[in-house]
C-alpha atoms as a PDB file:
ATOM      1  CA  MET A   1      85.479  93.297 103.387  1.00  0.00           C
ATOM      2  CA  PHE A   2      83.151  95.980 102.049  1.00  0.00           C
ATOM      3  CA  HIS A   3      83.441  98.148  98.961  1.00  0.00           C
ATOM      4  CA  VAL A   4      81.979 101.658  99.172  1.00  0.00           C
ATOM      5  CA  VAL A   5      81.373 103.830  96.124  1.00  0.00           C
ATOM      6  CA  ILE A   6      80.917 107.506  96.928  1.00  0.00           C
ATOM      7  CA  ASP A   7      79.921 110.654  95.093  1.00  0.00           C
ATOM      8  CA  LEU A   8      79.820 114.199  96.436  1.00  0.00           C
ATOM      9  CA  GLU A   9      78.041 117.298  95.195  1.00  0.00           C
ATOM     10  CA  MET A  10      79.679 120.615  96.042  1.00  0.00           C
ATOM     11  CA  ASN A  11      78.917 124.315  96.100  1.00  0.00           C
ATOM     12  CA  PRO A  12      81.574 126.980  95.423  1.00  0.00           C
ATOM     13  CA  ILE A  13      82.513 129.612  97.979  1.00  0.00           C
ATOM     14  CA  LYS A  14      82.182 133.141  96.601  1.00  0.00           C
ATOM     15  CA  ARG A  15      85.289 134.492  94.906  1.00  0.00           C
ATOM     16  CA  SER A  16      84.930 137.636  96.991  1.00  0.00           C
ATOM     17  CA  GLU A  17      85.834 135.545 100.063  1.00  0.00           C
ATOM     18  CA  LYS A  18      89.515 135.729  99.174  1.00  0.00           C
ATOM     19  CA  GLU A  19      90.952 134.842 102.579  1.00  0.00           C
ATOM     20  CA  LEU A  20      88.569 131.920 103.053  1.00  0.00           C
ATOM     21  CA  ARG A  21      89.263 130.597  99.553  1.00  0.00           C
ATOM     22  CA  LYS A  22      92.942 130.295 100.412  1.00  0.00           C
ATOM     23  CA  HIS A  23      91.850 127.342 102.541  1.00  0.00           C
ATOM     24  CA  LEU A  24      88.611 126.124 100.981  1.00  0.00           C
ATOM     25  CA  THR A  25      87.076 126.788  97.566  1.00  0.00           C
ATOM     26  CA  ASP A  26      84.012 124.509  97.777  1.00  0.00           C
ATOM     27  CA  GLU A  27      81.717 122.948 100.354  1.00  0.00           C
ATOM     28  CA  ILE A  28      80.029 119.556 100.200  1.00  0.00           C
ATOM     29  CA  ILE A  29      76.248 119.824  99.953  1.00  0.00           C
ATOM     30  CA  GLU A  30      75.388 116.165  99.355  1.00  0.00           C
ATOM     31  CA  PHE A  31      76.816 112.748 100.177  1.00  0.00           C
ATOM     32  CA  GLY A  32      75.738 109.733  98.154  1.00  0.00           C
ATOM     33  CA  ALA A  33      77.225 106.256  98.523  1.00  0.00           C
ATOM     34  CA  VAL A  34      76.516 102.581  98.000  1.00  0.00           C
ATOM     35  CA  LYS A  35      77.994  99.644  99.899  1.00  0.00           C
ATOM     36  CA  LEU A  36      78.902  96.399  98.124  1.00  0.00           C
ATOM     37  CA  ASP A  37      79.790  93.029  99.647  1.00  0.00           C
ATOM     38  CA  ASP A  38      82.750  90.783  98.809  1.00  0.00           C
ATOM     39  CA  ASP A  39      80.974  89.698  95.620  1.00  0.00           C
ATOM     40  CA  PHE A  40      80.389  93.317  94.587  1.00  0.00           C
ATOM     41  CA  LYS A  41      76.647  93.041  95.175  1.00  0.00           C
ATOM     42  CA  GLN A  42      74.957  96.173  96.502  1.00  0.00           C
ATOM     43  CA  ILE A  43      73.751  95.724 100.081  1.00  0.00           C
ATOM     44  CA  ASP A  44      73.083  99.263 101.314  1.00  0.00           C
ATOM     45  CA  ASN A  45      73.085 102.937 100.373  1.00  0.00           C
ATOM     46  CA  PHE A  46      73.575 106.293 102.059  1.00  0.00           C
ATOM     47  CA  GLN A  47      72.396 109.764 101.112  1.00  0.00           C
ATOM     48  CA  CYS A  48      72.266 113.054 102.961  1.00  0.00           C
ATOM     49  CA  TYR A  49      72.222 116.752 102.181  1.00  0.00           C
ATOM     50  CA  VAL A  50      74.613 119.126 103.927  1.00  0.00           C
ATOM     51  CA  LYS A  51      74.024 122.750 104.847  1.00  0.00           C
ATOM     52  CA  PRO A  52      76.896 124.931 103.585  1.00  0.00           C
ATOM     53  CA  GLU A  53      78.447 127.219 106.182  1.00  0.00           C
ATOM     54  CA  PHE A  54      79.906 129.944 103.970  1.00  0.00           C
ATOM     55  CA  GLY A  55      77.204 131.090 101.605  1.00  0.00           C
ATOM     56  CA  GLU A  56      74.080 129.943  99.847  1.00  0.00           C
ATOM     57  CA  ILE A  57      73.859 127.433  97.027  1.00  0.00           C
ATOM     58  CA  THR A  58      74.373 129.176  93.711  1.00  0.00           C
ATOM     59  CA  LYS A  59      71.808 129.168  90.904  1.00  0.00           C
ATOM     60  CA  HIS A  60      74.235 127.264  88.708  1.00  0.00           C
ATOM     61  CA  ILE A  61      74.623 124.455  91.260  1.00  0.00           C
ATOM     62  CA  THR A  62      70.865 124.297  91.789  1.00  0.00           C
ATOM     63  CA  LYS A  63      70.391 123.958  88.030  1.00  0.00           C
ATOM     64  CA  LEU A  64      73.074 121.258  87.857  1.00  0.00           C
ATOM     65  CA  THR A  65      72.082 119.213  90.930  1.00  0.00           C
ATOM     66  CA  SER A  66      68.489 120.303  91.678  1.00  0.00           C
ATOM     67  CA  ILE A  67      69.608 121.011  95.265  1.00  0.00           C
ATOM     68  CA  THR A  68      68.052 124.221  96.587  1.00  0.00           C
ATOM     69  CA  ASN A  69      68.779 126.325  99.649  1.00  0.00           C
ATOM     70  CA  GLU A  70      65.400 125.291 101.042  1.00  0.00           C
ATOM     71  CA  MET A  71      66.396 121.617 100.821  1.00  0.00           C
ATOM     72  CA  VAL A  72      69.478 122.116 103.000  1.00  0.00           C
ATOM     73  CA  ALA A  73      68.184 124.799 105.371  1.00  0.00           C
ATOM     74  CA  ASP A  74      67.459 122.358 108.216  1.00  0.00           C
ATOM     75  CA  LYS A  75      70.222 119.840 107.461  1.00  0.00           C
ATOM     76  CA  ASP A  76      73.398 119.182 109.429  1.00  0.00           C
ATOM     77  CA  THR A  77      76.585 120.998 108.581  1.00  0.00           C
ATOM     78  CA  PHE A  78      79.709 119.173 107.434  1.00  0.00           C
ATOM     79  CA  ILE A  79      81.060 117.620 110.632  1.00  0.00           C
ATOM     80  CA  ASN A  80      77.806 115.931 111.655  1.00  0.00           C
ATOM     81  CA  ALA A  81      77.029 114.807 108.115  1.00  0.00           C
ATOM     82  CA  PHE A  82      80.530 113.431 107.644  1.00  0.00           C
ATOM     83  CA  ASN A  83      80.350 111.579 110.974  1.00  0.00           C
ATOM     84  CA  ASP A  84      77.032 110.058 109.889  1.00  0.00           C
ATOM     85  CA  PHE A  85      78.702 108.864 106.702  1.00  0.00           C
ATOM     86  CA  MET A  86      81.663 107.385 108.562  1.00  0.00           C
ATOM     87  CA  ASN A  87      79.327 105.618 111.022  1.00  0.00           C
ATOM     88  CA  TRP A  88      77.492 104.149 108.024  1.00  0.00           C
ATOM     89  CA  VAL A  89      80.795 102.986 106.497  1.00  0.00           C
ATOM     90  CA  GLY A  90      81.529 101.222 109.778  1.00  0.00           C
ATOM     91  CA  SER A  91      84.681  99.753 111.225  1.00  0.00           C
ATOM     92  CA  LYS A  92      85.025  96.719 108.948  1.00  0.00           C
ATOM     93  CA  ALA A  93      87.817  96.732 106.343  1.00  0.00           C
ATOM     94  CA  VAL A  94      86.693  98.786 103.365  1.00  0.00           C
ATOM     95  CA  THR A  95      87.912 100.069 100.022  1.00  0.00           C
ATOM     96  CA  ILE A  96      86.376 103.343  98.860  1.00  0.00           C
ATOM     97  CA  TYR A  97      85.953 104.225  95.187  1.00  0.00           C
ATOM     98  CA  SER A  98      85.068 107.442  93.410  1.00  0.00           C
ATOM     99  CA  TRP A  99      85.000 108.614  89.809  1.00  0.00           C
ATOM    100  CA  SER A 100      88.247 110.672  89.839  1.00  0.00           C
ATOM    101  CA  ASN A 101      90.085 111.966  92.900  1.00  0.00           C
ATOM    102  CA  SER A 102      88.060 115.168  93.195  1.00  0.00           C
ATOM    103  CA  ASP A 103      85.976 113.717  96.052  1.00  0.00           C
ATOM    104  CA  ILE A 104      88.880 112.651  98.264  1.00  0.00           C
ATOM    105  CA  ASN A 105      90.613 115.953  97.533  1.00  0.00           C
ATOM    106  CA  GLN A 106      87.493 117.813  98.643  1.00  0.00           C
ATOM    107  CA  LEU A 107      87.249 115.746 101.828  1.00  0.00           C
ATOM    108  CA  LYS A 108      90.907 116.424 102.571  1.00  0.00           C
ATOM    109  CA  SER A 109      90.431 120.170 102.148  1.00  0.00           C
ATOM    110  CA  GLU A 110      87.184 120.340 104.094  1.00  0.00           C
ATOM    111  CA  CYS A 111      88.415 118.149 106.947  1.00  0.00           C
ATOM    112  CA  LYS A 112      91.633 120.134 107.215  1.00  0.00           C
ATOM    113  CA  PHE A 113      89.681 123.390 107.540  1.00  0.00           C
ATOM    114  CA  LYS A 114      86.555 122.302 109.441  1.00  0.00           C
ATOM    115  CA  TYR A 115      87.480 119.028 111.142  1.00  0.00           C
ATOM    116  CA  PRO A 116      91.244 118.993 111.773  1.00  0.00           C
ATOM    117  CA  ASP A 117      90.959 116.328 114.480  1.00  0.00           C
ATOM    118  CA  PHE A 118      89.830 113.736 111.946  1.00  0.00           C
ATOM    119  CA  ASN A 119      92.608 111.595 110.459  1.00  0.00           C
ATOM    120  CA  ILE A 120      91.698 111.758 106.774  1.00  0.00           C
ATOM    121  CA  GLU A 121      94.620 109.463 105.933  1.00  0.00           C
ATOM    122  CA  CYS A 122      92.535 106.521 107.158  1.00  0.00           C
ATOM    123  CA  LEU A 123      90.295 107.128 104.159  1.00  0.00           C
ATOM    124  CA  GLU A 124      92.894 108.243 101.658  1.00  0.00           C
ATOM    125  CA  GLN A 125      95.036 105.121 102.045  1.00  0.00           C
ATOM    126  CA  ASN A 126      92.048 102.950 101.105  1.00  0.00           C
ATOM    127  CA  TRP A 127      90.759 105.195  98.307  1.00  0.00           C
ATOM    128  CA  VAL A 128      90.666 104.163  94.636  1.00  0.00           C
ATOM    129  CA  ASP A 129      90.293 106.462  91.629  1.00  0.00           C
ATOM    130  CA  LEU A 130      87.968 104.240  89.587  1.00  0.00           C
ATOM    131  CA  GLN A 131      87.999 106.620  86.627  1.00  0.00           C
ATOM    132  CA  LYS A 132      91.753 106.084  86.227  1.00  0.00           C
ATOM    133  CA  GLU A 133      91.413 102.318  86.636  1.00  0.00           C
ATOM    134  CA  PHE A 134      88.668 102.255  84.006  1.00  0.00           C
ATOM    135  CA  ASP A 135      90.661 104.419  81.584  1.00  0.00           C
ATOM    136  CA  ASP A 136      93.754 102.261  82.096  1.00  0.00           C
ATOM    137  CA  LYS A 137      91.753  99.063  81.588  1.00  0.00           C
ATOM    138  CA  ILE A 138      90.526 100.105  78.147  1.00  0.00           C
ATOM    139  CA  GLY A 139      93.769 101.888  77.267  1.00  0.00           C
ATOM    140  CA  LEU A 140      92.708 105.526  77.426  1.00  0.00           C
ATOM    141  CA  HIS A 141      95.150 108.275  78.306  1.00  0.00           C
ATOM    142  CA  SER A 142      92.340 110.844  78.664  1.00  0.00           C
ATOM    143  CA  SER A 143      89.697 110.869  81.399  1.00  0.00           C
ATOM    144  CA  LEU A 144      86.234 109.699  80.402  1.00  0.00           C
ATOM    145  CA  ALA A 145      83.227 111.343  82.068  1.00  0.00           C
ATOM    146  CA  LEU A 146      81.015 109.049  84.129  1.00  0.00           C
ATOM    147  CA  LYS A 147      77.974 109.374  81.855  1.00  0.00           C
ATOM    148  CA  HIS A 148      80.089 108.451  78.828  1.00  0.00           C
ATOM    149  CA  ALA A 149      81.641 105.494  80.628  1.00  0.00           C
ATOM    150  CA  VAL A 150      78.122 104.271  81.445  1.00  0.00           C
ATOM    151  CA  GLY A 151      77.067 104.886  77.838  1.00  0.00           C
ATOM    152  CA  ALA A 152      80.109 103.008  76.583  1.00  0.00           C
ATOM    153  CA  MET A 153      78.841  99.989  78.543  1.00  0.00           C
ATOM    154  CA  ASN A 154      75.659 100.198  76.425  1.00  0.00           C
ATOM    155  CA  ARG A 155      73.799 100.948  79.644  1.00  0.00           C
ATOM    156  CA  ASN A 156      71.317 103.706  80.354  1.00  0.00           C
ATOM    157  CA  PHE A 157      72.332 106.079  83.143  1.00  0.00           C
ATOM    158  CA  GLU A 158      70.082 105.200  86.071  1.00  0.00           C
ATOM    159  CA  GLY A 159      68.548 108.192  87.829  1.00  0.00           C
ATOM    160  CA  THR A 160      69.590 111.796  87.312  1.00  0.00           C
ATOM    161  CA  ALA A 161      73.198 112.772  86.672  1.00  0.00           C
ATOM    162  CA  HIS A 162      74.768 115.058  89.286  1.00  0.00           C
ATOM    163  CA  THR A 163      72.656 113.661  92.079  1.00  0.00           C
ATOM    164  CA  ALA A 164      75.084 112.014  94.453  1.00  0.00           C
ATOM    165  CA  LEU A 165      73.343 108.685  95.026  1.00  0.00           C
ATOM    166  CA  ALA A 166      72.569 108.136  91.332  1.00  0.00           C
ATOM    167  CA  ASP A 167      76.163 108.922  90.393  1.00  0.00           C
ATOM    168  CA  ALA A 168      77.410 106.513  93.068  1.00  0.00           C
ATOM    169  CA  GLU A 169      75.073 103.736  91.896  1.00  0.00           C
ATOM    170  CA  ASN A 170      76.156 104.119  88.266  1.00  0.00           C
ATOM    171  CA  THR A 171      79.811 104.158  89.297  1.00  0.00           C
ATOM    172  CA  ALA A 172      79.187 100.982  91.294  1.00  0.00           C
ATOM    173  CA  ALA A 173      77.775  99.312  88.168  1.00  0.00           C
ATOM    174  CA  ILE A 174      81.056 100.042  86.377  1.00  0.00           C
ATOM    175  CA  LEU A 175      83.050  98.724  89.337  1.00  0.00           C
ATOM    176  CA  THR A 176      81.046  95.490  89.342  1.00  0.00           C
ATOM    177  CA  LEU A 177      81.541  94.945  85.609  1.00  0.00           C
ATOM    178  CA  MET A 178      85.278  95.532  85.966  1.00  0.00           C
ATOM    179  CA  GLN A 179      85.574  92.516  88.273  1.00  0.00           C
ATOM    180  CA  ASP A 180      84.840  90.135  85.374  1.00  0.00           C
ATOM    181  CA  ASP A 181      87.610  90.548  82.808  1.00  0.00           C
ATOM    182  CA  GLU A 182      85.834  88.451  80.177  1.00  0.00           C
ATOM    183  CA  ALA A 183      82.510  90.264  80.525  1.00  0.00           C
ATOM    184  CA  PHE A 184      84.266  93.633  80.612  1.00  0.00           C
ATOM    185  CA  ALA A 185      86.258  92.878  77.452  1.00  0.00           C
ATOM    186  CA  GLU A 186      83.116  91.702  75.638  1.00  0.00           C
ATOM    187  CA  THR A 187      81.045  94.682  76.761  1.00  0.00           C
ATOM    188  CA  MET A 188      83.737  97.238  76.004  1.00  0.00           C
ATOM    189  CA  LYS A 189      84.972  95.667  72.737  1.00  0.00           C
ATOM    190  CA  PRO A 190      83.089  98.135  70.492  1.00  0.00           C
ATOM    191  CA  VAL A 191      84.634 101.050  72.366  1.00  0.00           C
ATOM    192  CA  ILE A 192      88.125  99.561  72.332  1.00  0.00           C
ATOM    193  CA  ASP A 193      87.743  98.874  68.613  1.00  0.00           C
ATOM    194  CA  LEU A 194      86.528 102.420  68.088  1.00  0.00           C
ATOM    195  CA  LEU A 195      89.650 103.820  69.663  1.00  0.00           C
ATOM    196  CA  LYS A 196      91.965 101.762  67.490  1.00  0.00           C
ATOM    197  CA  PRO A 197      93.287 103.272  64.225  1.00  0.00           C
ATOM    198  CA  ARG A 198      90.688 101.626  62.036  1.00  0.00           C
ATOM    199  CA  GLU A 199      87.257 102.391  60.613  1.00  0.00           C
ATOM    200  CA  LEU A 200      85.081 103.987  63.295  1.00  0.00           C
ATOM    201  CA  SER A 201      81.819 102.467  64.450  1.00  0.00           C
ATOM    202  CA  SER A 202      79.034 104.983  63.832  1.00  0.00           C
ATOM    203  CA  SER A 203      76.741 103.497  66.470  1.00  0.00           C
ATOM    204  CA  ILE A 204      79.265 103.845  69.295  1.00  0.00           C
ATOM    205  CA  GLY A 205      80.401 107.175  67.878  1.00  0.00           C
ATOM    206  CA  ASP A 206      76.843 108.451  68.069  1.00  0.00           C
ATOM    207  CA  LEU A 207      76.530 107.110  71.609  1.00  0.00           C
ATOM    208  CA  CYS A 208      79.785 108.615  72.902  1.00  0.00           C
ATOM    209  CA  PRO A 209      81.060 111.246  70.416  1.00  0.00           C
ATOM    210  CA  GLU A 210      83.734 112.339  72.894  1.00  0.00           C
ATOM    211  CA  LEU A 211      85.456 109.009  72.336  1.00  0.00           C
ATOM    212  CA  LEU A 212      86.312 110.030  68.808  1.00  0.00           C
ATOM    213  CA  ASN A 213      88.914 112.392  70.203  1.00  0.00           C
ATOM    214  CA  LEU A 214      90.552 109.800  72.436  1.00  0.00           C
ATOM    215  CA  LYS A 215      93.286 107.353  71.492  1.00  0.00           C
ATOM    216  CA  LEU A 216      94.721 104.182  72.897  1.00  0.00           C
ATOM    217  CA  ASP A 217      98.082 104.325  74.681  1.00  0.00           C
END
């Protein structure tokens, strides 16, 4: 069995496109994913840019992701890019993970509008919201951003945030750590202690100040 960790970058459709936005509010502009084996060791990766079909990439998204219109001008549109991703995933049994459900929700919306012949349920039924599993494992009832989850592990974020492959690789590192309960508990102990009603740890607080506003269930 394989484990695939995916991240998507998206571009919004203009608000002036009111009829279109009833069906689709964003378009995928980048796929990034890593494949892990049964032992949660990375064995492969996948990355591709996608040309949006309903407008150019906004300045805000370019600033956030560094993806420009020039970078996607000669790339495939959604259906071909998505098929390339699915071919890379392969036919072997697989569980797919993402940080929150925003990625599977985007795929559901985009497939429904652009690729209705594809049975998205084959992905959805094997999809895991790793953000929720992580939050539940340390006892959070609020969602922790990926960069803060990585920081909480006392690990530097590898690569550039909001680039799909880097986000997928960092998410995969969290997934791998979560397979070892003892190592996870030891690594996350300062954070778990921080969230308990006791004296706060300044070092972890400085690392992840957002945690100061979160509480254990």
